[in-house]
C-alpha cells in the first residue's frame, strides 16, 4: 500500500491480488454457507450441515474486514464479483 501524489492511495500489485483473492473466498463462503443451510432445511440433511453453513456464513461476514481499502468501495466491487460467481 503506497500513497501517490496528493496523499491518494495507489494500490500495489500485492494489494490487488489480495483483494481479488479475498473477494473470491468471500463469494465461495456466501454461496457455500447458504447452500449448506438450504440442504439442511430442505433436504433433511443432518444438523451439522446447518451448523457448518452458519459458521461459513459468519466467516463470510468477517472476510471483508481483511480488505485494506475503504469498506464502501470494497463492498460495491464485491457485489460485481458475486454476480460473476
Protein backbone atom coordinates (compact mmCIF):
# COMPACT_ATOMS: atom_id res chain seq x y z
CA UNK A 1 0.00 0.00 0.00
CA UNK A 2 1.50 3.33 -1.06
CA UNK A 3 0.48 6.92 -1.26
CA UNK A 4 0.56 8.59 -4.61
CA UNK A 5 0.70 12.31 -5.30
CA UNK A 6 -1.61 14.33 -3.09
CA UNK A 7 -1.90 11.60 -0.43
CA UNK A 8 -4.01 9.36 -2.64
CA UNK A 9 -3.98 5.61 -2.10
CA UNK A 10 -2.35 3.81 -5.02
CA UNK A 11 -2.74 0.05 -4.74
CA UNK A 12 0.28 -2.11 -5.49
CA UNK A 13 0.03 -5.42 -7.30
CA UNK A 14 0.05 -7.31 -3.99
CA UNK A 15 -2.94 -5.26 -2.79
CA UNK A 16 -4.89 -6.01 -5.95
CA UNK A 17 -4.13 -9.74 -5.83
CA UNK A 18 -5.02 -9.85 -2.13
CA UNK A 19 -8.34 -8.09 -2.79
CA UNK A 20 -9.27 -10.44 -5.63
CA UNK A 21 -8.43 -13.50 -3.53
CA UNK A 22 -10.48 -12.16 -0.60
CA UNK A 23 -13.41 -11.40 -2.93
CA UNK A 24 -13.33 -14.97 -4.27
CA UNK A 25 -13.10 -16.51 -0.79
CA UNK A 26 -15.99 -14.34 0.42
CA UNK A 27 -18.10 -15.35 -2.58
CA UNK A 28 -17.47 -19.05 -2.03
CA UNK A 29 -18.31 -18.66 1.68
CA UNK A 30 -21.56 -16.84 0.92
CA UNK A 31 -22.74 -19.30 -1.70
CA UNK A 32 -21.42 -22.39 0.10
CA UNK A 33 -22.81 -21.40 3.50
CA UNK A 34 -26.21 -20.65 2.04
CA UNK A 35 -26.19 -23.93 0.14
CA UNK A 36 -25.34 -25.93 3.28
CA UNK A 37 -28.19 -24.30 5.22
CA UNK A 38 -30.53 -24.87 2.26
CA UNK A 39 -29.65 -28.58 2.08
CA UNK A 40 -30.13 -28.94 5.84
CA UNK A 41 -33.57 -27.31 5.81
CA UNK A 42 -34.95 -28.54 2.50
CA UNK A 43 -33.41 -31.98 2.10
CA UNK A 44 -33.30 -33.04 5.74
CA UNK A 45 -29.52 -33.24 5.95
CA UNK A 46 -28.03 -33.72 9.43
CA UNK A 47 -27.95 -30.77 11.85
CA UNK A 48 -24.22 -30.34 11.45
CA UNK A 49 -24.82 -29.23 7.83
CA UNK A 50 -26.85 -26.30 9.14
CA UNK A 51 -24.29 -25.53 11.83
CA UNK A 52 -21.42 -25.67 9.35
CA UNK A 53 -23.41 -23.46 6.95
CA UNK A 54 -23.96 -20.92 9.71
CA UNK A 55 -20.27 -20.89 10.60
CA UNK A 56 -19.30 -20.43 6.95
CA UNK A 57 -21.76 -17.51 6.68
CA UNK A 58 -20.21 -15.94 9.80
CA UNK A 59 -16.80 -16.31 8.15
CA UNK A 60 -18.23 -14.58 5.08
CA UNK A 61 -19.08 -11.62 7.30
CA UNK A 62 -15.56 -11.47 8.75
CA UNK A 63 -13.59 -11.74 5.50
CA UNK A 64 -14.27 -8.16 4.30
CA UNK A 65 -12.51 -6.83 7.40
CA UNK A 66 -9.23 -8.07 5.93
CA UNK A 67 -9.53 -5.68 2.98
CA UNK A 68 -7.14 -2.74 3.16
CA UNK A 69 -9.33 -0.28 1.22
CA UNK A 70 -12.46 1.75 2.01
CA UNK A 71 -15.24 -0.65 3.04
CA UNK A 72 -17.97 1.03 0.98
CA UNK A 73 -15.98 0.78 -2.22
CA UNK A 74 -14.85 -2.74 -1.44
CA UNK A 75 -18.42 -3.87 -0.77
CA UNK A 76 -19.67 -2.32 -4.02
CA UNK A 77 -16.98 -4.13 -6.02
CA UNK A 78 -17.74 -7.38 -4.20
CA UNK A 79 -21.33 -7.12 -5.47
CA UNK A 80 -19.95 -7.31 -9.01
CA UNK A 81 -17.82 -10.33 -8.11
CA UNK A 82 -20.83 -12.08 -6.61
CA UNK A 83 -22.79 -11.59 -9.83
CA UNK A 84 -19.93 -13.16 -11.81
CA UNK A 85 -19.67 -16.10 -9.39
